Amino acid sequence: MNPFVSDAQSSQSPQLETVAQFGKHQPIGLGVSQPTPSSAARIFVTFPKNPDNYDYGLAEISTQAAGVDQRRPYPNAEWNKWDSLNPQNRFINVQALFVDNTNALWVLDPASPAGQRALPEGIKLLKINLSTNQVEKIYRFEDLPRERTGLNDVQIDTRRQMAYLSDPGRAAIVVLDLKTGKSRTVLENDKSTKADPAFVLTIEGKEVRDTKGNPFRSNVNGIALTHDFNFLYFRPITQTKLFRIATNYLVDPTLTPAQLASHVEVMGETGVSHGMIADKAGNVYLTDSPNKAIKYVTPDKQLKTLVQDDRLLWPDSFGISADGYLYVTAAQIQRTKRYNNGEDKVAYPFRLYRVKLPK
């Protein structure tokens, strides 16, 4: 039984605004900082290492000229060099971003470019001081089986000094102690972290299958940490349920795998979703590629639609600004060559959007 109460379909929806456009550079990860006395809010976007269209893996976005792509490599050009001769101190394939409540930018590099050899020695999580634009700390996950891991998303718990990461490669969640650098793998191959093998993602009336006919599939992917640090929401992409677990269980190393799994809550049916984020009001936002929409779950467990728009082609990652906007990247993954027998069906340019948060 689905505990969510769906809202009635409204003929009106908040206005989806274009914030920036990126030509043929595909936006994936997103982070929006909070303004400071000396700086306005800043926007950061990650881009995959695509041999056809690569210049920066991580860029800061200037929005002063509307509709013009104004990117600069961040934190500098050296980190963004293509050759990857120094994988420990260059970006290999940046995936996710997260701005914590101290206004630090966290950058996750799983070091696994699509169609290229993964570089386990390049896997890393960076903490960047946005006041100085300097890398303050690098975590390298040397205690994980890095040849098998496939980290995807990250959330930072500053109260406990912990990082929570999704690992679709191993169908698991990784808990990283930011003080010691030690990590633990939890909920590995749990029913809440594994994709449904029978589920085939369908978007725009077409099954999303690669050139070999294999359907797109992802284990636990998007994650969202509530602002009180009490709950981590998570889910695989290719199934339809949303899960959460209280973080006090996640950080408890004394629990057995079975004991920890018993604390996972099934929150209900939400449909397909990729990225997630929580706001200060306790809403949890979910991208919805089949319906070209953004949905959200309220604290009282209602499932609502924030915006539905044909431009939301594979909405992927979120950021929230202090002035009440939800930012979202549109990755158009289902329209790329990989899922169209080598034909590029992307509607260029790639764009970054925003929409006003609900009142």
Protein backbone atom coordinates (compact mmCIF):
# COMPACT_ATOMS: atom_id res chain seq x y z
CA MET A 1 0.00 0.00 0.00
CA ASN A 2 1.36 3.41 -0.95
CA PRO A 3 1.36 5.81 2.04
CA PHE A 4 1.80 8.87 -0.16
CA VAL A 5 -1.21 10.98 -1.05
CA SER A 6 -0.80 12.35 -4.59
CA ASP A 7 -1.88 15.91 -5.29
CA ALA A 8 -4.38 16.70 -8.01
CA GLN A 9 -2.83 17.60 -11.34
CA SER A 10 -2.74 21.38 -11.62
CA SER A 11 -3.04 23.27 -14.89
CA GLN A 12 -0.54 25.76 -13.50
CA SER A 13 3.04 25.08 -12.50
CA PRO A 14 5.91 27.26 -11.36
CA GLN A 15 7.90 28.89 -14.13
CA LEU A 16 10.96 26.91 -15.16
CA GLU A 17 13.75 29.38 -15.88
CA THR A 18 16.92 28.87 -17.91
CA VAL A 19 19.95 29.84 -15.81
CA ALA A 20 22.81 28.90 -18.14
CA GLN A 21 23.52 26.89 -21.26
CA PHE A 22 26.56 24.77 -22.05
CA GLY A 23 26.57 23.99 -25.75
CA LYS A 24 27.55 20.34 -26.17
CA HIS A 25 28.98 20.03 -22.66
CA GLN A 26 26.70 17.71 -20.69
CA PRO A 27 25.93 18.93 -17.13
CA ILE A 28 25.76 16.27 -14.43
CA GLY A 29 26.59 17.29 -10.85
CA LEU A 30 25.47 20.58 -9.30
CA GLY A 31 26.28 22.64 -6.23
CA VAL A 32 24.94 26.05 -5.18
CA SER A 33 26.72 27.90 -2.38
CA GLN A 34 25.17 30.29 0.10
CA PRO A 35 25.94 34.00 -0.17
CA THR A 36 28.47 35.53 2.21
CA PRO A 37 29.17 39.14 3.21
CA SER A 38 31.88 39.25 0.53
CA SER A 39 30.36 37.00 -2.15
CA ALA A 40 27.05 36.29 -3.85
CA ALA A 41 25.83 32.73 -4.20
CA ARG A 42 28.01 30.67 -6.53
CA ILE A 43 27.03 27.87 -8.92
CA PHE A 44 29.23 24.86 -9.72
CA VAL A 45 28.57 22.17 -12.33
CA THR A 46 30.40 18.96 -13.25
CA PHE A 47 30.86 17.63 -16.78
CA PRO A 48 31.85 14.06 -17.79
CA LYS A 49 35.17 13.36 -19.44
CA ASN A 50 33.82 12.94 -22.96
CA PRO A 51 36.58 12.77 -25.62
CA ASP A 52 34.34 14.63 -28.09
CA ASN A 53 33.50 17.59 -25.87
CA TYR A 54 35.74 18.07 -22.86
CA ASP A 55 37.39 21.12 -21.46
CA TYR A 56 36.56 21.15 -17.72
CA GLY A 57 35.42 18.45 -15.33
CA LEU A 58 34.33 21.04 -12.77
CA ALA A 59 33.40 24.61 -13.59
CA GLU A 60 32.09 27.64 -11.78
CA ILE A 61 29.23 29.24 -13.69
CA SER A 62 28.78 32.95 -14.22
CA THR A 63 25.18 33.92 -14.94
CA GLN A 64 25.77 37.63 -15.50
CA ALA A 65 25.24 37.33 -19.26
CA ALA A 66 21.90 35.58 -19.77
CA GLY A 67 21.98 32.63 -22.15
CA VAL A 68 25.76 32.76 -22.52
CA ASP A 69 27.90 29.89 -21.33
CA GLN A 70 30.41 31.47 -18.98
CA ARG A 71 32.39 28.71 -17.34
CA ARG A 72 35.76 28.76 -15.72
CA PRO A 73 37.71 25.72 -14.54
CA TYR A 74 37.44 25.22 -10.81
CA PRO A 75 39.37 25.31 -8.54
CA ASN A 76 41.95 25.88 -11.31
CA ALA A 77 43.00 24.69 -14.76
CA GLU A 78 45.54 22.17 -13.42
CA TRP A 79 42.88 20.07 -11.69
CA ASN A 80 40.91 19.97 -14.96
CA LYS A 81 43.64 18.87 -17.40
CA TRP A 82 42.61 16.09 -19.76
CA ASP A 83 45.70 13.87 -19.72
CA SER A 84 45.14 12.49 -16.18
CA LEU A 85 48.85 11.75 -15.80
CA ASN A 86 48.47 12.60 -12.14
CA PRO A 87 45.16 10.88 -11.26
CA GLN A 88 45.48 11.56 -7.56
CA ASN A 89 45.61 15.32 -8.06
CA ARG A 90 43.58 15.80 -11.23
CA PHE A 91 39.94 15.17 -11.98
CA ILE A 92 39.37 11.90 -13.83
CA ASN A 93 35.58 12.03 -14.13
CA VAL A 94 33.87 14.29 -11.61
CA GLN A 95 30.36 13.17 -10.71
CA ALA A 96 28.65 14.75 -7.71
CA LEU A 97 28.87 18.00 -5.76
CA PHE A 98 27.55 18.99 -2.35
CA VAL A 99 27.68 22.30 -0.51
CA ASP A 100 27.47 21.70 3.24
CA ASN A 101 26.03 24.00 5.89
CA THR A 102 29.47 25.54 6.53
CA ASN A 103 29.56 26.57 2.82
CA ALA A 104 32.32 24.12 1.93
CA LEU A 105 32.17 22.50 -1.52
CA TRP A 106 32.58 18.72 -1.66
CA VAL A 107 33.59 17.16 -4.99
CA LEU A 108 33.24 13.43 -5.71
CA ASP A 109 35.44 11.92 -8.43
CA PRO A 110 34.66 8.20 -8.97
CA ALA A 111 37.45 8.13 -11.61
CA SER A 112 35.46 6.04 -14.09
CA PRO A 113 34.90 7.83 -17.41
CA ALA A 114 32.24 6.20 -19.58
CA GLY A 115 33.79 3.97 -22.22
CA GLN A 116 37.29 4.40 -20.80
CA ARG A 117 39.46 2.51 -18.36
CA ALA A 118 38.67 3.26 -14.74
CA LEU A 119 41.55 4.53 -12.62
CA PRO A 120 41.03 3.21 -9.07
CA GLU A 121 43.95 5.30 -7.82
CA GLY A 122 42.05 8.39 -8.93
CA ILE A 123 38.96 7.82 -6.75
CA LYS A 124 38.64 10.73 -4.33
CA LEU A 125 36.44 13.11 -2.39
CA LEU A 126 37.66 16.69 -2.13
CA LYS A 127 36.74 19.37 0.38
CA ILE A 128 37.23 22.86 -1.09
CA ASN A 129 37.20 26.06 0.95
CA LEU A 130 35.05 28.49 -1.02
CA SER A 131 36.56 31.48 0.76
CA THR A 132 40.08 30.66 -0.42
CA ASN A 133 39.25 28.37 -3.40
CA GLN A 134 41.81 25.93 -2.02
CA VAL A 135 41.52 22.16 -1.63
CA GLU A 136 41.61 21.57 2.11
CA LYS A 137 41.30 17.79 2.29
CA ILE A 138 41.28 14.76 -0.01
CA TYR A 139 39.82 11.38 0.96
CA ARG A 140 40.98 8.47 -1.23
CA PHE A 141 38.96 5.45 0.01
CA GLU A 142 41.98 3.17 0.12
CA ASP A 143 40.08 0.85 2.48
CA LEU A 144 37.44 0.12 -0.19
CA PRO A 145 37.76 -2.46 -3.01
CA ARG A 146 38.37 0.40 -5.45
CA GLU A 147 38.42 -1.88 -8.52
CA ARG A 148 34.77 -2.78 -7.84
CA THR A 149 33.40 0.40 -6.33
CA GLY A 150 31.40 2.94 -8.32
CA LEU A 151 30.66 5.91 -6.09
CA ASN A 152 27.94 8.21 -7.39
CA ASP A 153 26.54 10.73 -4.90
CA VAL A 154 27.59 12.29 -1.60
CA GLN A 155 25.96 14.06 1.36
CA ILE A 156 27.82 15.58 4.31
CA ASP A 157 26.77 15.29 7.94
CA THR A 158 28.68 18.11 9.64
CA ARG A 159 27.14 17.35 13.03
CA ARG A 160 28.71 13.90 13.16
CA GLN A 161 31.58 14.66 10.75
CA MET A 162 30.47 11.86 8.45
CA ALA A 163 29.97 11.57 4.70
CA TYR A 164 27.34 9.28 3.19
CA LEU A 165 27.93 8.07 -0.36
CA SER A 166 25.93 5.92 -2.75
CA ASP A 167 27.85 3.12 -4.45
CA PRO A 168 25.75 1.72 -7.31
CA GLY A 169 28.76 -0.31 -8.42
CA ARG A 170 28.41 -2.50 -5.33
CA ALA A 171 24.73 -1.77 -4.52
CA ALA A 172 25.75 -0.25 -1.21
CA ILE A 173 26.07 2.86 0.90
CA VAL A 174 29.48 3.99 2.12
CA VAL A 175 29.84 5.77 5.46
CA LEU A 176 33.05 7.80 5.63
CA ASP A 177 34.39 9.15 8.94
CA LEU A 178 35.72 12.58 7.99
CA LYS A 179 37.93 12.76 11.08
CA THR A 180 39.76 9.46 10.60
CA GLY A 181 39.34 8.91 6.85
CA LYS A 182 38.07 5.37 7.53
CA SER A 183 35.04 4.10 5.66
CA ARG A 184 32.46 1.37 6.17
CA THR A 185 30.26 -0.33 3.57
CA VAL A 186 26.65 -0.88 4.65
CA LEU A 187 23.42 -2.24 3.16
CA GLU A 188 25.39 -3.98 0.42
CA ASN A 189 23.05 -5.90 -1.89
CA ASP A 190 20.11 -5.09 0.35
CA LYS A 191 16.71 -5.02 -1.36
CA SER A 192 16.67 -1.25 -0.78
CA THR A 193 19.95 -0.67 -2.63
CA LYS A 194 19.58 -3.11 -5.55
CA ALA A 195 17.93 -2.34 -8.87
CA ASP A 196 14.92 -4.38 -9.92
CA PRO A 197 16.39 -6.65 -12.65
CA ALA A 198 13.00 -6.88 -14.37
CA PHE A 199 12.50 -3.12 -14.56
CA VAL A 200 13.15 -1.46 -17.93
CA LEU A 201 13.31 2.33 -17.94
CA THR A 202 11.08 3.87 -20.61
CA ILE A 203 11.27 7.56 -21.53
CA GLU A 204 9.49 9.36 -24.37
CA GLY A 205 7.86 6.08 -25.36
CA LYS A 206 11.18 4.30 -25.88
CA GLU A 207 13.03 1.76 -23.74
CA VAL A 208 16.40 3.11 -22.66
CA ARG A 209 18.78 0.44 -23.99
CA ASP A 210 22.43 0.70 -25.03
CA THR A 211 23.88 -0.26 -28.41
CA LYS A 212 24.08 -3.90 -27.26
CA GLY A 213 20.43 -3.94 -26.28
CA ASN A 214 21.13 -3.88 -22.55
CA PRO A 215 18.61 -1.81 -20.58
CA PHE A 216 19.83 1.12 -18.50
CA ARG A 217 20.17 -0.09 -14.93
CA SER A 218 21.38 1.49 -11.72
CA ASN A 219 21.50 0.36 -8.12
CA VAL A 220 21.33 2.91 -5.29
CA ASN A 221 22.07 6.27 -6.87
CA GLY A 222 20.55 9.53 -5.64
CA ILE A 223 20.67 10.27 -1.91
CA ALA A 224 19.37 13.14 0.24
CA LEU A 225 20.24 14.06 3.82
CA THR A 226 17.69 16.02 5.82
CA HIS A 227 18.87 19.35 7.23
CA ASP A 228 18.55 18.08 10.81
CA PHE A 229 20.92 15.24 9.81
CA ASN A 230 18.43 12.68 11.15
CA PHE A 231 17.51 10.79 7.96
CA LEU A 232 19.20 9.70 4.75
CA TYR A 233 16.82 9.12 1.83
CA PHE A 234 18.02 6.84 -0.97
CA ARG A 235 16.88 4.63 -3.83
CA PRO A 236 18.05 2.77 -6.94
CA ILE A 237 17.05 4.43 -10.21
CA THR A 238 15.54 1.39 -11.88
CA GLN A 239 12.75 0.60 -9.46
CA THR A 240 9.95 2.74 -8.07
CA LYS A 241 10.23 2.94 -4.28
CA LEU A 242 11.82 5.52 -2.00
CA PHE A 243 13.66 4.44 1.16
CA ARG A 244 15.16 6.14 4.17
CA ILE A 245 17.12 5.22 7.26
CA ALA A 246 17.82 7.12 10.47
CA THR A 247 21.45 8.21 10.43
CA ASN A 248 22.04 7.17 14.04
CA TYR A 249 21.74 3.58 12.76
CA LEU A 250 23.99 4.21 9.76
CA VAL A 251 26.84 5.44 11.96
CA ASP A 252 26.53 2.61 14.51
CA PRO A 253 29.30 0.08 13.75
CA THR A 254 27.95 -2.39 16.31
CA LEU A 255 24.88 -3.26 14.26
CA THR A 256 24.98 -6.42 12.17
CA PRO A 257 23.98 -6.15 8.49
CA ALA A 258 20.62 -7.73 9.32
CA GLN A 259 20.03 -5.37 12.23
CA LEU A 260 20.87 -2.34 10.12
CA ALA A 261 18.63 -3.50 7.26
CA SER A 262 15.74 -3.88 9.68
CA HIS A 263 15.81 -0.12 10.25
CA VAL A 264 15.34 0.75 6.56
CA GLU A 265 11.93 2.35 6.02
CA VAL A 266 9.98 1.95 2.78
CA MET A 267 8.56 5.43 2.21
CA GLY A 268 6.30 4.50 -0.67
CA GLU A 269 5.98 4.46 -4.45
CA THR A 270 7.42 7.56 -6.08
CA GLY A 271 8.16 6.35 -9.61
CA VAL A 272 11.55 6.62 -11.29
CA SER A 273 14.00 9.15 -9.88
CA HIS A 274 17.67 10.01 -10.35
CA GLY A 275 18.80 12.92 -8.18
CA MET A 276 17.46 13.99 -4.79
CA ILE A 277 17.85 16.84 -2.33
CA ALA A 278 16.17 17.97 0.90
CA ASP A 279 15.26 21.54 1.83
CA LYS A 280 15.08 23.27 5.21
CA ALA A 281 11.33 22.69 5.42
CA GLY A 282 11.83 18.92 5.28
CA ASN A 283 10.68 18.40 1.70
CA VAL A 284 12.63 15.85 -0.32
CA TYR A 285 12.81 16.58 -4.06
CA LEU A 286 13.09 13.86 -6.70
CA THR A 287 13.79 14.13 -10.40
CA ASP A 288 11.35 12.26 -12.65
CA SER A 289 12.66 11.64 -16.17
CA PRO A 290 9.73 9.59 -17.57
CA ASN A 291 7.30 12.40 -16.71
CA LYS A 292 9.76 15.26 -17.37
CA ALA A 293 9.02 16.53 -13.91
CA ILE A 294 10.30 17.36 -10.46
CA LYS A 295 8.35 15.88 -7.57
CA TYR A 296 8.70 16.25 -3.83
CA VAL A 297 7.71 14.38 -0.71
CA THR A 298 6.43 16.57 2.11
CA PRO A 299 7.15 15.93 5.80
CA ASP A 300 3.59 14.57 6.14
CA LYS A 301 4.26 12.08 3.31
CA GLN A 302 2.37 13.70 0.47
CA LEU A 303 3.84 13.21 -3.00
CA LYS A 304 3.49 16.41 -5.02
CA THR A 305 4.59 17.72 -8.41
CA LEU A 306 6.64 20.92 -8.28
CA VAL A 307 6.98 21.40 -12.04
CA GLN A 308 6.39 19.42 -15.21
CA ASP A 309 8.02 20.70 -18.38
CA ASP A 310 9.13 19.16 -21.68
CA ARG A 311 12.57 20.75 -21.21
CA LEU A 312 13.25 18.51 -18.22
CA LEU A 313 15.02 15.86 -20.26
CA TRP A 314 16.59 13.50 -17.72
CA PRO A 315 16.66 16.02 -14.83
CA ASP A 316 19.65 14.87 -12.85
CA SER A 317 21.16 16.86 -9.97
CA PHE A 318 19.87 19.56 -7.64
CA GLY A 319 21.07 22.61 -5.75
CA ILE A 320 19.12 25.01 -3.53
CA SER A 321 19.84 28.73 -3.21
CA ALA A 322 19.25 30.92 -0.18
CA ASP A 323 16.71 33.02 -2.10
CA GLY A 324 14.35 30.07 -2.49
CA TYR A 325 15.15 28.48 -5.85
CA LEU A 326 15.69 24.86 -6.73
CA TYR A 327 18.35 24.47 -9.45
CA VAL A 328 18.49 21.38 -11.66
CA THR A 329 20.67 20.04 -14.47
CA ALA A 330 19.13 18.32 -17.51
CA ALA A 331 21.53 15.62 -18.70
CA GLN A 332 19.46 14.16 -21.60
CA ILE A 333 21.15 10.79 -21.07
CA GLN A 334 18.36 8.91 -22.85
CA ARG A 335 19.04 10.96 -26.01
CA THR A 336 22.79 10.32 -26.19
CA LYS A 337 24.45 8.07 -28.77
CA ARG A 338 24.86 5.23 -26.27
CA TYR A 339 21.10 4.74 -26.01
CA ASN A 340 20.17 5.47 -29.64
CA ASN A 341 22.28 3.04 -31.68
CA GLY A 342 25.04 5.58 -32.13
CA GLU A 343 22.74 8.44 -33.19
CA ASP A 344 22.96 11.71 -31.28
CA LYS A 345 19.41 12.87 -30.44
CA VAL A 346 20.32 15.47 -27.82
CA ALA A 347 18.48 18.80 -28.04
CA TYR A 348 21.40 21.22 -27.79
CA PRO A 349 22.41 23.29 -26.01
CA PHE A 350 22.52 21.55 -22.65
CA ARG A 351 21.00 23.77 -19.98
CA LEU A 352 20.77 24.49 -16.27
CA TYR A 353 17.34 25.47 -14.95
CA ARG A 354 15.76 26.73 -11.77
CA VAL A 355 12.27 26.86 -10.30
CA LYS A 356 10.89 28.55 -7.20
CA LEU A 357 10.53 26.32 -4.15
CA PRO A 358 7.01 25.70 -2.83
CA LYS A 359 5.78 28.08 -0.13
